[in-house]
Amino acid sequence: MRSLIYLGIALVVSHFSASQTLNDISYLTNSGLNGSARYTSMGGAFGALGGDLTAISDNPAASSVFLNTEIGGSLNFQTRTNKGIFSGTTQSTEDENFYFDQFGAVFVFNNTNQESPWSRISAAININRIATFDQQAFLSGTNTSGIQDYFLYYANGIAFDEIQLYNDETISEVYRYLGDEVGYGAQQAFLGYQSYIVDPLSIDPNERSYASNINSNQVTQDLDLLNEGFHRKTSFNFSALYNNTLHLGVNINQHRLEFRNSQKFFEGGHDLDSFVYDVNFNNSLISYGEGFSLQFGGILKLKNIRLGLGYDSPQWIDIQDETQQDLSAYHFEDGFEIKETVAPEITNFYAPYRLRIPSKTSFSFAYILNESGLFSVEYSMQNISNSTLSQNGGSDFLDSLNTQVNNTFQPVNTLKVGGEYRLKTFSLRAGYFYRTKNQTSLTNDDRALTLGFGVNFGASNLNFSLIQFEQNQQFNLFSNGLTDPYTLRKDLTQITISYNFKL
């Protein structure tokens, strides 16, 4: 019998690998169309323009385009229709939220030395939300694969002796022991065995092969999803104007990430002779991350033409994960229906690891229509398949996940188009945002239509924007065993209001 002496001291489970899956990488590497109302109303096409607080987080040369010191912030309201597409069936849910989207300040210093080629220097700070993870979705469909495939994947290879529950042990103690001493897979095998979903082929303590107690050619499966959290970037900026022609800038970015994912899986519709049926399997994940990145950018002025170039370094984000699980299933015993609940009530704390989100390069063009307005285009590329996870001391699990990421994801290309028409102090704006899918198996790309207007009061300005954003992502039911894909489509309507004032 295993030793449990240390259990009175150990308060948490500590692993040498992370809990992340392909699903989580898809969430964490994604971004939206967020920021100031002027920026979002023009589809984010500000790479060659500058003069906007959110544009500073896009191209660091943008701050020296400002003529005056300026402070401002943005608030938005989102309403989302989330469509879960699984096994040919679509289910829709709706939710809505308010967000404090952006806040920043730029400080402009004009050089009084007329002999210096550096005519303007700017320093800025801008806090911008890169992504909102908030999402409620529901999936429902039929499947010929069942939850037993998930537990068999992990159980096969685990010694039967490890997942038994002896008289002097509790569910929590053994679950904790397995996480600390054997690993995540042994915990899953333990849940499957203790809920009667899987059984060993023999009672030999060294038995490592298992069979399913679920019998069904087709089952119904439901998945309730609740995601919460954000990815926020704080940019510390420095920019300068050279020869009144070339804006050059650099950002040092601090990243903060919080991601909460709750999944409630139900499987029913099993055959009448199935020993185990009606399975509920709940999983929750919390990820906290802190990181940094660098950005370099330039904007070249050629009469009415503006050319922009931007480079975003990889984002290096150190993440810590926490997970919880519980499982219940029904079975018949001596003619009675019994609900078997396996609820360890243990939080797994995993060793920190680093997520590296790949670099991005942007090219921009803008044409200034004198005082009447402007037209702007921006193109960027980022190879999401080069995302990696690493850990001090190495990790076979993360190495395997990196291979999956490289084989699953693909380069993403983004096109932003925006225009502005000015009527004295009043401006009308519109834009288009297009981003290619990050996985070949996805059907649709991401796209948004944007509108907005602004009023310039001289010492301050007020701007509004409206965007309609369609975003598509693909996931798997579970990381192994039961890996059937599903798609989440988010139809987002976002209204943003921004107010800036000059000092």
Protein backbone atom coordinates (compact mmCIF):
# COMPACT_ATOMS: atom_id res chain seq x y z
CA MET A 1 0.00 0.00 0.00
CA ARG A 2 1.28 3.45 -0.89
CA SER A 3 2.47 5.73 1.89
CA LEU A 4 0.28 8.69 2.78
CA ILE A 5 2.37 10.02 5.64
CA TYR A 6 3.08 13.33 3.91
CA LEU A 7 -0.57 14.14 3.33
CA GLY A 8 -0.99 15.90 6.64
CA ILE A 9 1.63 18.43 5.53
CA ALA A 10 0.97 18.85 1.82
CA LEU A 11 -1.79 21.37 1.20
CA VAL A 12 -1.70 21.48 -2.58
CA VAL A 13 -0.71 19.36 -5.52
CA SER A 14 2.47 20.38 -7.34
CA HIS A 15 3.24 19.07 -10.83
CA PHE A 16 6.27 19.28 -13.09
CA SER A 17 4.19 20.09 -16.15
CA ALA A 18 1.41 22.47 -17.12
CA SER A 19 -2.27 21.77 -17.54
CA GLN A 20 -2.66 23.61 -20.84
CA THR A 21 -4.21 22.03 -23.92
CA LEU A 22 -4.64 23.06 -27.55
CA ASN A 23 -7.97 24.60 -26.55
CA ASP A 24 -6.32 26.94 -24.08
CA ILE A 25 -3.59 27.93 -26.56
CA SER A 26 -6.32 28.91 -29.02
CA TYR A 27 -7.89 31.17 -26.39
CA LEU A 28 -4.67 32.74 -25.12
CA THR A 29 -3.18 33.58 -28.52
CA ASN A 30 -6.35 35.26 -29.78
CA SER A 31 -7.09 38.99 -29.86
CA GLY A 32 -10.01 41.26 -30.62
CA LEU A 33 -10.63 44.73 -32.02
CA ASN A 34 -10.38 46.86 -28.88
CA GLY A 35 -9.29 50.36 -27.97
CA SER A 36 -10.38 53.95 -28.45
CA ALA A 37 -13.54 54.79 -30.37
CA ARG A 38 -11.64 56.50 -33.18
CA TYR A 39 -9.32 53.52 -33.53
CA THR A 40 -12.08 50.89 -33.58
CA SER A 41 -14.38 52.93 -35.86
CA MET A 42 -11.68 52.81 -38.54
CA GLY A 43 -11.08 49.07 -38.20
CA GLY A 44 -7.81 49.63 -36.31
CA ALA A 45 -6.05 50.85 -39.48
CA PHE A 46 -3.73 53.28 -37.70
CA GLY A 47 -0.29 51.86 -38.43
CA ALA A 48 0.64 54.80 -40.68
CA LEU A 49 -1.41 57.47 -38.92
CA GLY A 50 -0.67 57.76 -35.24
CA GLY A 51 -2.18 60.60 -33.24
CA ASP A 52 -4.39 58.17 -31.29
CA LEU A 53 -3.75 56.66 -27.86
CA THR A 54 -4.58 53.11 -28.93
CA ALA A 55 -2.46 53.58 -32.05
CA ILE A 56 0.53 53.92 -29.69
CA SER A 57 0.00 50.29 -28.67
CA ASP A 58 -0.15 49.37 -32.36
CA ASN A 59 2.80 51.37 -33.72
CA PRO A 60 5.04 53.08 -31.11
CA ALA A 61 5.91 55.87 -33.58
CA ALA A 62 2.33 57.11 -33.16
CA SER A 63 3.00 59.22 -30.08
CA SER A 64 5.22 61.81 -31.80
CA VAL A 65 2.39 62.50 -34.27
CA PHE A 66 0.51 64.22 -31.41
CA LEU A 67 0.91 68.00 -31.36
CA ASN A 68 -0.19 68.44 -27.74
CA THR A 69 -0.10 66.54 -24.48
CA GLU A 70 -3.29 64.50 -24.26
CA ILE A 71 -5.07 62.21 -21.79
CA GLY A 72 -8.07 59.98 -22.49
CA GLY A 73 -9.97 56.80 -21.86
CA SER A 74 -12.60 54.53 -23.40
CA LEU A 75 -15.62 52.60 -22.17
CA ASN A 76 -17.45 50.01 -24.23
CA PHE A 77 -20.56 47.87 -24.09
CA GLN A 78 -20.59 44.43 -25.70
CA THR A 79 -23.47 42.16 -26.52
CA ARG A 80 -22.53 38.70 -27.82
CA THR A 81 -24.39 35.89 -29.53
CA ASN A 82 -22.33 32.73 -29.05
CA LYS A 83 -23.04 29.83 -31.38
CA GLY A 84 -21.75 26.39 -30.45
CA ILE A 85 -21.56 24.09 -33.48
CA PHE A 86 -21.08 20.40 -32.70
CA SER A 87 -21.99 17.27 -34.65
CA GLY A 88 -23.99 19.29 -37.18
CA THR A 89 -26.09 21.00 -34.49
CA THR A 90 -25.96 24.70 -33.60
CA GLN A 91 -26.93 26.07 -30.19
CA SER A 92 -27.03 29.80 -29.39
CA THR A 93 -26.61 31.74 -26.16
CA GLU A 94 -26.36 35.46 -25.45
CA ASP A 95 -24.52 37.58 -22.90
CA GLU A 96 -23.45 41.20 -22.43
CA ASN A 97 -20.94 43.26 -20.44
CA PHE A 98 -19.45 46.71 -19.92
CA TYR A 99 -15.66 47.15 -20.11
CA PHE A 100 -13.18 49.89 -19.33
CA ASP A 101 -11.34 49.32 -22.56
CA GLN A 102 -8.44 51.73 -22.70
CA PHE A 103 -6.71 54.54 -20.81
CA GLY A 104 -3.62 56.50 -21.72
CA ALA A 105 -1.64 59.70 -21.74
CA VAL A 106 0.94 61.18 -24.11
CA PHE A 107 3.33 63.96 -23.18
CA VAL A 108 4.69 66.04 -26.06
CA PHE A 109 7.93 68.04 -25.85
CA ASN A 110 8.74 70.38 -28.75
CA ASN A 111 12.40 71.10 -29.31
CA THR A 112 13.11 74.85 -29.34
CA ASN A 113 16.57 74.28 -30.83
CA GLN A 114 15.88 74.87 -34.50
CA GLU A 115 19.26 73.47 -35.51
CA SER A 116 18.43 70.02 -34.13
CA PRO A 117 16.90 67.54 -36.59
CA TRP A 118 14.78 66.13 -33.74
CA SER A 119 11.89 68.59 -33.69
CA ARG A 120 9.54 66.70 -31.33
CA ILE A 121 9.90 64.11 -28.60
CA SER A 122 7.00 62.27 -26.97
CA ALA A 123 6.61 59.92 -24.03
CA ALA A 124 3.42 58.00 -23.40
CA ILE A 125 1.74 55.29 -21.42
CA ASN A 126 -1.29 53.40 -22.69
CA ILE A 127 -3.26 50.57 -21.14
CA ASN A 128 -5.15 48.57 -23.75
CA ARG A 129 -7.20 45.40 -23.59
CA ILE A 130 -5.90 42.98 -26.22
CA ALA A 131 -8.54 40.31 -25.68
CA THR A 132 -11.65 39.59 -23.65
CA PHE A 133 -12.14 35.92 -22.86
CA ASP A 134 -15.69 36.33 -21.51
CA GLN A 135 -17.97 33.88 -23.29
CA GLN A 136 -20.91 31.63 -22.46
CA ALA A 137 -21.70 28.82 -24.87
CA PHE A 138 -23.66 25.58 -25.02
CA LEU A 139 -23.08 22.56 -27.26
CA SER A 140 -25.35 19.59 -27.85
CA GLY A 141 -25.16 16.74 -30.32
CA THR A 142 -24.89 13.01 -30.91
CA ASN A 143 -21.67 11.06 -31.08
CA THR A 144 -20.49 7.51 -31.65
CA SER A 145 -17.51 8.15 -29.37
CA GLY A 146 -18.07 8.33 -25.62
CA ILE A 147 -16.52 9.63 -22.43
CA GLN A 148 -15.12 6.17 -21.74
CA ASP A 149 -12.58 6.81 -24.51
CA TYR A 150 -11.16 9.68 -22.48
CA PHE A 151 -10.73 7.62 -19.31
CA LEU A 152 -9.42 4.55 -21.15
CA TYR A 153 -6.75 6.73 -22.79
CA TYR A 154 -5.36 7.65 -19.39
CA ALA A 155 -6.09 4.40 -17.52
CA ASN A 156 -4.27 2.05 -19.87
CA GLY A 157 -0.73 1.89 -18.63
CA ILE A 158 -1.54 2.81 -15.00
CA ALA A 159 -1.09 0.01 -12.45
CA PHE A 160 -4.41 -1.06 -10.90
CA ASP A 161 -2.87 -0.84 -7.44
CA GLU A 162 -2.36 2.91 -7.88
CA ILE A 163 -6.04 3.78 -8.42
CA GLN A 164 -7.67 1.60 -5.80
CA LEU A 165 -9.17 3.11 -2.66
CA TYR A 166 -8.12 1.29 0.49
CA ASN A 167 -10.00 1.30 3.78
CA ASP A 168 -7.85 3.96 5.44
CA GLU A 169 -7.89 6.34 2.46
CA THR A 170 -10.23 9.02 1.13
CA ILE A 171 -10.96 10.19 -2.41
CA SER A 172 -9.17 13.47 -1.72
CA GLU A 173 -6.06 11.80 -0.31
CA VAL A 174 -5.56 9.42 -3.20
CA TYR A 175 -6.34 12.05 -5.83
CA ARG A 176 -3.76 14.33 -4.23
CA TYR A 177 -1.20 11.53 -3.93
CA LEU A 178 -1.59 10.57 -7.58
CA GLY A 179 -1.15 14.16 -8.74
CA ASP A 180 1.99 14.59 -6.68
CA GLU A 181 3.64 11.23 -7.23
CA VAL A 182 2.31 9.77 -10.49
CA GLY A 183 0.78 12.56 -12.57
CA TYR A 184 -2.30 14.02 -14.20
CA GLY A 185 -3.04 10.84 -16.19
CA ALA A 186 -3.22 8.75 -13.03
CA GLN A 187 -5.74 11.21 -11.57
CA GLN A 188 -7.95 10.75 -14.64
CA ALA A 189 -7.66 6.96 -14.39
CA PHE A 190 -8.61 7.18 -10.72
CA LEU A 191 -11.73 9.23 -11.51
CA GLY A 192 -12.76 6.79 -14.25
CA TYR A 193 -12.28 3.73 -12.06
CA GLN A 194 -13.91 5.11 -8.91
CA SER A 195 -16.99 6.13 -10.93
CA TYR A 196 -17.21 2.59 -12.44
CA ILE A 197 -16.69 3.90 -16.00
CA VAL A 198 -13.60 1.71 -16.48
CA ASP A 199 -12.44 -1.51 -14.83
CA PRO A 200 -9.14 -3.44 -15.01
CA LEU A 201 -9.11 -6.64 -17.05
CA SER A 202 -8.03 -8.52 -13.90
CA ILE A 203 -7.67 -7.84 -10.17
CA ASP A 204 -3.92 -8.28 -10.35
CA PRO A 205 -2.44 -5.17 -8.61
CA ASN A 206 -0.02 -4.82 -11.51
CA GLU A 207 -2.75 -4.95 -14.18
CA ARG A 208 -2.37 -2.04 -16.62
CA SER A 209 -5.13 -2.74 -19.18
CA TYR A 210 -8.72 -1.58 -18.76
CA ALA A 211 -12.16 -2.01 -20.31
CA SER A 212 -15.22 0.20 -20.41
CA ASN A 213 -18.46 -0.38 -18.47
CA ILE A 214 -20.37 1.89 -20.84
CA ASN A 215 -22.25 0.20 -23.66
CA SER A 216 -23.70 2.33 -26.44
CA ASN A 217 -23.35 2.76 -30.20
CA GLN A 218 -24.51 6.37 -30.03
CA VAL A 219 -24.80 8.87 -27.19
CA THR A 220 -25.99 12.43 -26.66
CA GLN A 221 -23.40 14.87 -25.37
CA ASP A 222 -23.85 18.36 -23.92
CA LEU A 223 -21.16 20.84 -22.97
CA ASP A 224 -21.74 24.03 -20.99
CA LEU A 225 -18.85 26.48 -21.34
CA LEU A 226 -18.16 29.57 -19.26
CA ASN A 227 -15.02 31.60 -19.97
CA GLU A 228 -13.94 34.74 -18.17
CA GLY A 229 -10.85 36.91 -18.15
CA PHE A 230 -8.71 39.29 -20.16
CA HIS A 231 -5.33 39.91 -21.73
CA ARG A 232 -4.21 43.47 -21.04
CA LYS A 233 -1.14 45.30 -22.32
CA THR A 234 0.45 48.36 -20.71
CA SER A 235 2.78 50.17 -23.12
CA PHE A 236 5.54 52.48 -21.93
CA ASN A 237 6.37 54.50 -25.01
CA PHE A 238 9.06 56.81 -26.37
CA SER A 239 8.92 58.41 -29.82
CA ALA A 240 10.61 61.22 -31.75
CA LEU A 241 10.15 63.13 -35.00
CA TYR A 242 13.26 63.41 -37.20
CA ASN A 243 13.60 66.17 -39.85
CA ASN A 244 9.85 66.66 -39.68
CA THR A 245 9.64 63.57 -41.89
CA LEU A 246 10.27 60.39 -39.97
CA HIS A 247 8.58 59.31 -36.73
CA LEU A 248 10.45 56.60 -34.81
CA GLY A 249 9.26 54.91 -31.63
CA VAL A 250 9.69 52.06 -29.20
CA ASN A 251 7.38 50.41 -26.65
CA ILE A 252 8.24 48.36 -23.62
CA ASN A 253 5.08 46.37 -22.90
CA GLN A 254 3.91 44.75 -19.71
CA HIS A 255 1.33 41.99 -20.17
CA ARG A 256 -1.18 40.73 -17.66
CA LEU A 257 -3.40 37.76 -18.35
CA GLU A 258 -6.23 36.10 -16.41
CA PHE A 259 -8.20 33.22 -17.88
CA ARG A 260 -10.96 31.20 -16.23
CA ASN A 261 -12.50 28.26 -18.04
CA SER A 262 -15.36 26.14 -16.67
CA GLN A 263 -16.66 23.10 -18.57
CA LYS A 264 -19.66 21.01 -17.57
CA PHE A 265 -19.91 17.91 -19.73
CA PHE A 266 -22.90 15.55 -19.76
CA GLU A 267 -23.28 12.30 -21.65
CA GLY A 268 -26.56 10.38 -21.82
CA GLY A 269 -28.66 8.25 -24.11
CA HIS A 270 -26.73 5.05 -23.34
CA ASP A 271 -28.10 1.61 -24.19
CA LEU A 272 -30.46 0.10 -21.64
CA ASP A 273 -28.00 -2.69 -20.89
CA SER A 274 -25.14 -0.27 -20.21
CA PHE A 275 -23.84 -0.78 -16.66
CA VAL A 276 -22.86 2.92 -16.36
CA TYR A 277 -24.91 5.76 -17.78
CA ASP A 278 -25.68 9.50 -17.47
CA VAL A 279 -22.19 10.82 -16.79
CA ASN A 280 -21.45 14.37 -15.56
CA PHE A 281 -17.81 15.48 -15.77
CA ASN A 282 -16.86 18.98 -14.60
CA ASN A 283 -13.50 20.68 -15.14
CA SER A 284 -12.31 24.16 -14.27
CA LEU A 285 -9.07 25.95 -15.11
CA ILE A 286 -7.68 29.24 -13.83
CA SER A 287 -4.56 30.72 -15.44
CA TYR A 288 -2.66 33.78 -14.21
CA GLY A 289 0.04 35.32 -16.36
CA GLU A 290 2.55 38.17 -16.30
CA GLY A 291 4.90 38.97 -19.16
CA PHE A 292 6.56 41.47 -21.44
CA SER A 293 7.24 42.31 -25.07
CA LEU A 294 8.91 45.00 -27.16
CA GLN A 295 7.68 46.98 -30.16
CA PHE A 296 9.50 49.10 -32.73
CA GLY A 297 7.87 51.29 -35.32
CA GLY A 298 8.26 54.06 -37.84
CA ILE A 299 6.02 56.40 -39.82
CA LEU A 300 7.38 58.19 -42.92
CA LYS A 301 5.71 61.42 -44.14
CA LEU A 302 5.82 62.06 -47.89
CA LYS A 303 3.56 65.04 -48.66
CA ASN A 304 0.05 63.55 -48.47
CA ILE A 305 1.28 59.98 -48.13
CA ARG A 306 2.15 58.16 -44.91
CA LEU A 307 4.02 54.85 -44.77
CA GLY A 308 4.15 52.81 -41.58
CA LEU A 309 6.23 49.84 -40.46
CA GLY A 310 5.88 48.03 -37.16
CA TYR A 311 7.51 45.05 -35.49
CA ASP A 312 6.13 43.34 -32.38
CA SER A 313 8.56 41.04 -30.63
CA PRO A 314 7.28 37.75 -29.28
CA GLN A 315 5.25 38.04 -26.08
CA TRP A 316 6.85 36.12 -23.23
CA ILE A 317 4.21 35.40 -20.59
CA ASP A 318 4.87 33.39 -17.41
CA ILE A 319 1.73 31.48 -16.42
CA GLN A 320 0.56 29.53 -13.38
CA ASP A 321 -2.40 27.16 -13.63
CA GLU A 322 -4.95 25.84 -11.16
CA THR A 323 -7.47 23.09 -11.92
CA GLN A 324 -10.37 21.33 -10.20
CA GLN A 325 -12.41 18.30 -11.24
CA ASP A 326 -15.41 16.26 -10.16
CA LEU A 327 -17.30 13.39 -11.76
CA SER A 328 -20.59 11.57 -11.23
CA ALA A 329 -22.25 8.65 -13.01
CA TYR A 330 -25.16 6.28 -12.46
CA HIS A 331 -25.00 2.49 -12.33
CA PHE A 332 -27.19 -0.39 -11.17
CA GLU A 333 -26.16 -2.50 -8.20
CA ASP A 334 -28.37 -5.30 -6.78
CA GLY A 335 -31.32 -3.85 -8.65
CA PHE A 336 -30.87 -0.34 -7.27
CA GLU A 337 -29.91 2.77 -9.18
CA ILE A 338 -26.84 4.34 -7.56
CA LYS A 339 -25.30 7.71 -8.29
CA GLU A 340 -21.56 7.49 -7.80
CA THR A 341 -19.96 10.88 -7.15
CA VAL A 342 -16.20 11.35 -7.15
CA ALA A 343 -15.46 14.86 -5.88
CA PRO A 344 -11.87 15.19 -4.63
CA GLU A 345 -12.33 18.89 -3.72
CA ILE A 346 -8.64 19.36 -4.41
CA THR A 347 -7.10 22.28 -6.31
CA ASN A 348 -4.15 21.23 -8.47
CA PHE A 349 -1.43 23.89 -8.55
CA TYR A 350 0.98 23.40 -11.45
CA ALA A 351 4.57 24.50 -11.80
CA PRO A 352 4.91 27.82 -13.68
CA TYR A 353 5.69 27.74 -17.39
CA ARG A 354 6.27 30.29 -20.14
CA LEU A 355 4.00 30.92 -23.12
CA ARG A 356 5.69 32.51 -26.12
CA ILE A 357 3.27 34.17 -28.55
CA PRO A 358 5.04 34.74 -31.90
CA SER A 359 6.22 38.08 -33.29
CA LYS A 360 4.15 40.17 -35.67
CA THR A 361 5.15 42.47 -38.55
CA SER A 362 2.89 45.22 -39.90
CA PHE A 363 2.95 47.36 -43.05
CA SER A 364 0.72 50.42 -43.42
CA PHE A 365 -0.25 53.05 -45.96
CA ALA A 366 -2.33 56.18 -45.53
CA TYR A 367 -3.35 59.03 -47.81
CA ILE A 368 -4.24 62.38 -46.26
CA LEU A 369 -6.97 64.36 -48.06
CA ASN A 370 -5.70 67.69 -46.72
CA GLU A 371 -8.30 68.95 -44.22
CA SER A 372 -11.11 66.79 -45.63
CA GLY A 373 -10.12 63.43 -44.24
CA LEU A 374 -7.94 60.40 -44.82
CA PHE A 375 -7.80 56.81 -46.02
CA SER A 376 -5.68 54.11 -44.39
CA VAL A 377 -4.73 50.45 -44.96
CA GLU A 378 -2.75 48.13 -42.70
CA TYR A 379 -1.56 44.57 -43.27
CA SER A 380 0.07 42.36 -40.65
CA MET A 381 1.21 38.75 -40.39
CA GLN A 382 1.81 36.49 -37.41
CA ASN A 383 2.59 32.76 -37.45
CA ILE A 384 0.53 31.34 -34.58
CA SER A 385 1.90 27.85 -35.27
CA ASN A 386 5.21 29.06 -33.79
CA SER A 387 3.64 29.53 -30.34
CA THR A 388 5.58 27.55 -27.76
CA LEU A 389 5.42 26.60 -24.10
CA SER A 390 8.49 25.90 -22.00
CA GLN A 391 9.42 25.15 -18.43
CA ASN A 392 12.56 25.21 -16.32
CA GLY A 393 14.15 21.77 -16.43
CA GLY A 394 12.24 20.82 -19.57
CA SER A 395 8.93 19.01 -19.97
CA ASP A 396 8.05 16.09 -22.25
CA PHE A 397 4.40 17.09 -21.93
CA LEU A 398 5.06 20.63 -23.18
CA ASP A 399 7.34 19.34 -25.95
CA SER A 400 4.50 17.13 -27.16
CA LEU A 401 2.01 20.00 -26.91
CA ASN A 402 4.33 22.26 -28.93
CA THR A 403 4.36 19.66 -31.69
CA GLN A 404 0.56 19.62 -31.67
CA VAL A 405 0.47 23.43 -31.81
CA ASN A 406 2.83 23.45 -34.79
CA ASN A 407 0.69 20.88 -36.62
CA THR A 408 -2.68 22.46 -35.77
CA PHE A 409 -2.26 26.20 -36.15
CA GLN A 410 -1.16 28.25 -39.14
CA PRO A 411 -0.01 31.79 -40.01
CA VAL A 412 -2.60 34.51 -39.54
CA ASN A 413 -2.87 37.49 -41.90
CA THR A 414 -4.83 40.59 -40.92
CA LEU A 415 -6.11 43.37 -43.15
CA LYS A 416 -7.45 46.64 -41.73
CA VAL A 417 -9.04 49.38 -43.84
CA GLY A 418 -10.32 52.69 -42.51
CA GLY A 419 -11.43 56.11 -43.61
CA GLU A 420 -12.39 59.43 -42.06
CA TYR A 421 -14.31 62.36 -43.54
CA ARG A 422 -14.24 65.70 -41.73
CA LEU A 423 -16.92 68.38 -41.70
CA LYS A 424 -15.23 71.14 -39.72
CA THR A 425 -15.39 69.91 -36.09
CA PHE A 426 -17.44 66.81 -36.93
CA SER A 427 -15.93 63.58 -38.32
CA LEU A 428 -17.51 60.52 -39.90
CA ARG A 429 -15.58 57.23 -39.91
CA ALA A 430 -15.87 53.69 -41.25
CA GLY A 431 -13.65 50.64 -41.48
CA TYR A 432 -13.25 46.98 -42.26
CA PHE A 433 -11.30 44.32 -40.38
CA TYR A 434 -10.40 40.92 -41.85
CA ARG A 435 -8.30 38.17 -40.27
CA THR A 436 -7.62 34.74 -41.75
CA LYS A 437 -8.44 31.65 -39.70
CA ASN A 438 -5.73 30.29 -37.41
CA GLN A 439 -6.54 26.63 -38.16
CA THR A 440 -6.98 24.99 -41.56
CA SER A 441 -9.94 22.98 -40.27
CA LEU A 442 -11.96 26.13 -39.57
CA THR A 443 -14.53 27.12 -42.17
CA ASN A 444 -14.79 30.88 -41.70
CA ASP A 445 -12.36 33.76 -41.21
CA ASP A 446 -12.84 36.62 -38.74
CA ARG A 447 -14.27 39.88 -40.02
CA ALA A 448 -15.73 43.12 -38.72
CA LEU A 449 -17.54 46.15 -40.10
CA THR A 450 -17.04 49.39 -38.17
CA LEU A 451 -18.66 52.83 -38.04
CA GLY A 452 -18.23 55.89 -35.90
CA PHE A 453 -18.20 59.63 -35.49
CA GLY A 454 -16.42 62.23 -33.40
CA VAL A 455 -16.76 65.82 -32.27
CA ASN A 456 -13.71 68.05 -31.76
CA PHE A 457 -14.25 70.74 -29.11
CA GLY A 458 -10.76 72.16 -29.51
CA ALA A 459 -9.38 71.42 -26.05
CA SER A 460 -11.11 68.02 -25.97
CA ASN A 461 -12.86 65.54 -28.24
CA LEU A 462 -15.63 62.97 -27.91
CA ASN A 463 -15.79 59.88 -30.13
CA PHE A 464 -18.20 56.99 -30.65
CA SER A 465 -17.85 53.73 -32.54
CA LEU A 466 -19.98 50.73 -33.45
CA ILE A 467 -18.49 47.43 -34.61
CA GLN A 468 -20.05 44.18 -35.78
CA PHE A 469 -17.46 41.45 -35.33
CA GLU A 470 -17.70 37.78 -36.36
CA GLN A 471 -15.06 35.63 -34.68
CA ASN A 472 -14.54 31.88 -35.21
CA GLN A 473 -12.51 29.38 -33.18
CA GLN A 474 -12.24 25.59 -33.18
CA PHE A 475 -11.71 23.36 -30.14
CA ASN A 476 -11.83 19.72 -29.05
CA LEU A 477 -14.13 18.20 -26.43
CA PHE A 478 -11.11 16.93 -24.49
CA SER A 479 -7.37 16.94 -25.01
CA ASN A 480 -7.08 13.15 -25.43
CA GLY A 481 -9.32 10.13 -26.00
CA LEU A 482 -12.53 12.01 -26.75
CA THR A 483 -11.20 14.68 -29.11
CA ASP A 484 -14.18 15.40 -31.39
CA PRO A 485 -14.02 19.00 -32.68
CA TYR A 486 -16.52 21.78 -32.19
CA THR A 487 -16.66 25.38 -33.35
CA LEU A 488 -17.50 28.51 -31.38
CA ARG A 489 -18.72 31.45 -33.42
CA LYS A 490 -19.06 34.78 -31.62
CA ASP A 491 -21.20 37.50 -33.22
CA LEU A 492 -20.19 40.63 -31.32
CA THR A 493 -21.83 44.04 -31.30
CA GLN A 494 -19.66 46.61 -29.53
CA ILE A 495 -20.33 50.27 -28.77
CA THR A 496 -17.37 52.37 -27.58
CA ILE A 497 -17.26 55.90 -26.25
CA SER A 498 -13.98 57.78 -25.75
CA TYR A 499 -13.22 61.16 -24.27
CA ASN A 500 -9.81 62.84 -24.59
CA PHE A 501 -8.64 66.24 -23.41
CA LYS A 502 -5.50 68.25 -24.12
CA LEU A 503 -3.24 69.91 -21.58
